[in-house]
Amino acid sequence: MFHKLFVDHPRAVNETYGEHWLVANRFGVLMILAGLGAIVHGFIPGLMTRTGSNMIRKLHGEMTNRQPRVPAPAKPSAQPRGEWQLEYEI
């Protein structure tokens, strides 16, 4: 059980537990800050107009660049084009 909770996933993404903790917590804090910016934007639409979307793009780029490359599937996906789909795990 210990390995499943603390070792398996960090190893699967080629990190130690400590490295994974730092990366995951950094991402979490940045998402919270961007979320607060989005809340401010909801109240005052002229403020922080790009804060949330810029952070999403930044974190998505970082996350996809960190992931090991997986060969493309042989068959086209059943997922309709243009719809968002999970490409990675934190």
C-alpha atoms as a PDB file:
ATOM      1  CA  MET A   1       0.000   0.000   0.000  1.00  0.00           C
ATOM      2  CA  PHE A   2       2.861   2.396   0.829  1.00  0.00           C
ATOM      3  CA  HIS A   3       4.351   1.999  -2.641  1.00  0.00           C
ATOM      4  CA  LYS A   4       0.986   2.534  -4.318  1.00  0.00           C
ATOM      5  CA  LEU A   5       0.413   5.769  -2.374  1.00  0.00           C
ATOM      6  CA  PHE A   6       3.896   7.284  -2.345  1.00  0.00           C
ATOM      7  CA  VAL A   7       6.220   5.625  -4.849  1.00  0.00           C
ATOM      8  CA  ASP A   8       4.476   4.191  -7.915  1.00  0.00           C
ATOM      9  CA  HIS A   9       3.122   7.364  -9.496  1.00  0.00           C
ATOM     10  CA  PRO A  10       6.222   9.549  -8.980  1.00  0.00           C
ATOM     11  CA  ARG A  11       8.327   6.738 -10.435  1.00  0.00           C
ATOM     12  CA  ALA A  12       5.919   6.459 -13.398  1.00  0.00           C
ATOM     13  CA  VAL A  13       6.579  10.125 -14.236  1.00  0.00           C
ATOM     14  CA  ASN A  14      10.333   9.722 -13.644  1.00  0.00           C
ATOM     15  CA  GLU A  15      10.487  11.719 -10.397  1.00  0.00           C
ATOM     16  CA  THR A  16      11.355  11.093  -6.783  1.00  0.00           C
ATOM     17  CA  TYR A  17       8.681  11.662  -4.153  1.00  0.00           C
ATOM     18  CA  GLY A  18      10.279  15.016  -3.237  1.00  0.00           C
ATOM     19  CA  GLU A  19      10.506  16.190  -6.856  1.00  0.00           C
ATOM     20  CA  HIS A  20       6.903  15.206  -7.439  1.00  0.00           C
ATOM     21  CA  TRP A  21       5.795  16.972  -4.258  1.00  0.00           C
ATOM     22  CA  LEU A  22       7.463  20.212  -5.362  1.00  0.00           C
ATOM     23  CA  VAL A  23       6.061  20.105  -8.893  1.00  0.00           C
ATOM     24  CA  ALA A  24       2.526  19.169  -7.800  1.00  0.00           C
ATOM     25  CA  ASN A  25       2.435  21.811  -5.067  1.00  0.00           C
ATOM     26  CA  ARG A  26       3.790  24.514  -7.398  1.00  0.00           C
ATOM     27  CA  PHE A  27       1.080  23.661  -9.936  1.00  0.00           C
ATOM     28  CA  GLY A  28      -1.567  23.676  -7.200  1.00  0.00           C
ATOM     29  CA  VAL A  29      -0.540  27.078  -5.837  1.00  0.00           C
ATOM     30  CA  LEU A  30      -0.436  28.584  -9.344  1.00  0.00           C
ATOM     31  CA  MET A  31      -3.918  27.206 -10.074  1.00  0.00           C
ATOM     32  CA  ILE A  32      -5.254  28.672  -6.817  1.00  0.00           C
ATOM     33  CA  LEU A  33      -3.754  32.077  -7.650  1.00  0.00           C
ATOM     34  CA  ALA A  34      -5.196  31.973 -11.172  1.00  0.00           C
ATOM     35  CA  GLY A  35      -8.559  30.946  -9.704  1.00  0.00           C
ATOM     36  CA  LEU A  36      -8.500  33.932  -7.363  1.00  0.00           C
ATOM     37  CA  GLY A  37      -7.741  36.130 -10.363  1.00  0.00           C
ATOM     38  CA  ALA A  38     -10.721  34.631 -12.179  1.00  0.00           C
ATOM     39  CA  ILE A  39     -12.943  35.383  -9.164  1.00  0.00           C
ATOM     40  CA  VAL A  40     -11.753  39.006  -9.146  1.00  0.00           C
ATOM     41  CA  HIS A  41     -12.433  39.125 -12.892  1.00  0.00           C
ATOM     42  CA  GLY A  42     -15.954  37.852 -12.274  1.00  0.00           C
ATOM     43  CA  PHE A  43     -16.665  40.787  -9.964  1.00  0.00           C
ATOM     44  CA  ILE A  44     -14.769  43.405 -11.994  1.00  0.00           C
ATOM     45  CA  PRO A  45     -14.700  42.271 -15.648  1.00  0.00           C
ATOM     46  CA  GLY A  46     -12.153  44.903 -16.675  1.00  0.00           C
ATOM     47  CA  LEU A  47      -9.516  43.424 -14.332  1.00  0.00           C
ATOM     48  CA  MET A  48      -7.456  40.288 -14.846  1.00  0.00           C
ATOM     49  CA  THR A  49      -9.045  39.594 -18.214  1.00  0.00           C
ATOM     50  CA  ARG A  50      -6.438  37.002 -19.238  1.00  0.00           C
ATOM     51  CA  THR A  51      -5.090  35.754 -15.897  1.00  0.00           C
ATOM     52  CA  GLY A  52      -6.926  32.420 -15.789  1.00  0.00           C
ATOM     53  CA  SER A  53      -6.560  31.528 -19.467  1.00  0.00           C
ATOM     54  CA  ASN A  54      -2.878  32.529 -19.527  1.00  0.00           C
ATOM     55  CA  MET A  55      -2.146  30.314 -16.523  1.00  0.00           C
ATOM     56  CA  ILE A  56      -4.042  27.387 -18.045  1.00  0.00           C
ATOM     57  CA  ARG A  57      -1.981  27.685 -21.232  1.00  0.00           C
ATOM     58  CA  LYS A  58       1.274  28.025 -19.259  1.00  0.00           C
ATOM     59  CA  LEU A  59       0.602  25.018 -17.030  1.00  0.00           C
ATOM     60  CA  HIS A  60      -0.684  22.907 -19.918  1.00  0.00           C
ATOM     61  CA  GLY A  61       2.501  23.642 -21.873  1.00  0.00           C
ATOM     62  CA  GLU A  62       4.694  22.764 -18.899  1.00  0.00           C
ATOM     63  CA  MET A  63       2.775  19.584 -18.156  1.00  0.00           C
ATOM     64  CA  THR A  64       2.762  18.261 -21.703  1.00  0.00           C
ATOM     65  CA  ASN A  65       6.485  19.008 -22.096  1.00  0.00           C
ATOM     66  CA  ARG A  66       7.234  17.025 -18.917  1.00  0.00           C
ATOM     67  CA  GLN A  67       5.388  13.890 -19.992  1.00  0.00           C
ATOM     68  CA  PRO A  68       7.135  11.000 -21.714  1.00  0.00           C
ATOM     69  CA  ARG A  69       6.111  10.799 -25.336  1.00  0.00           C
ATOM     70  CA  VAL A  70       3.679   8.000 -26.088  1.00  0.00           C
ATOM     71  CA  PRO A  71       3.295   6.726 -29.662  1.00  0.00           C
ATOM     72  CA  ALA A  72       0.105   7.897 -31.364  1.00  0.00           C
ATOM     73  CA  PRO A  73      -2.702   5.326 -31.472  1.00  0.00           C
ATOM     74  CA  ALA A  74      -3.003   3.365 -34.712  1.00  0.00           C
ATOM     75  CA  LYS A  75      -6.744   4.040 -35.026  1.00  0.00           C
ATOM     76  CA  PRO A  76      -8.431   7.443 -34.920  1.00  0.00           C
ATOM     77  CA  SER A  77      -9.941   8.235 -31.537  1.00  0.00           C
ATOM     78  CA  ALA A  78     -13.668   7.979 -30.940  1.00  0.00           C
ATOM     79  CA  GLN A  79     -13.403  11.444 -29.318  1.00  0.00           C
ATOM     80  CA  PRO A  80     -14.929  14.099 -31.630  1.00  0.00           C
ATOM     81  CA  ARG A  81     -12.391  16.607 -32.947  1.00  0.00           C
ATOM     82  CA  GLY A  82     -12.118  19.909 -31.151  1.00  0.00           C
ATOM     83  CA  GLU A  83     -13.217  18.573 -27.769  1.00  0.00           C
ATOM     84  CA  TRP A  84     -10.832  18.677 -24.829  1.00  0.00           C
ATOM     85  CA  GLN A  85      -9.432  15.405 -23.646  1.00  0.00           C
ATOM     86  CA  LEU A  86      -7.095  14.461 -20.793  1.00  0.00           C
ATOM     87  CA  GLU A  87      -3.488  14.138 -22.018  1.00  0.00           C
ATOM     88  CA  TYR A  88      -1.669  13.735 -18.720  1.00  0.00           C
ATOM     89  CA  GLU A  89      -1.934  13.213 -14.996  1.00  0.00           C
ATOM     90  CA  ILE A  90      -0.532  15.276 -12.170  1.00  0.00           C
END
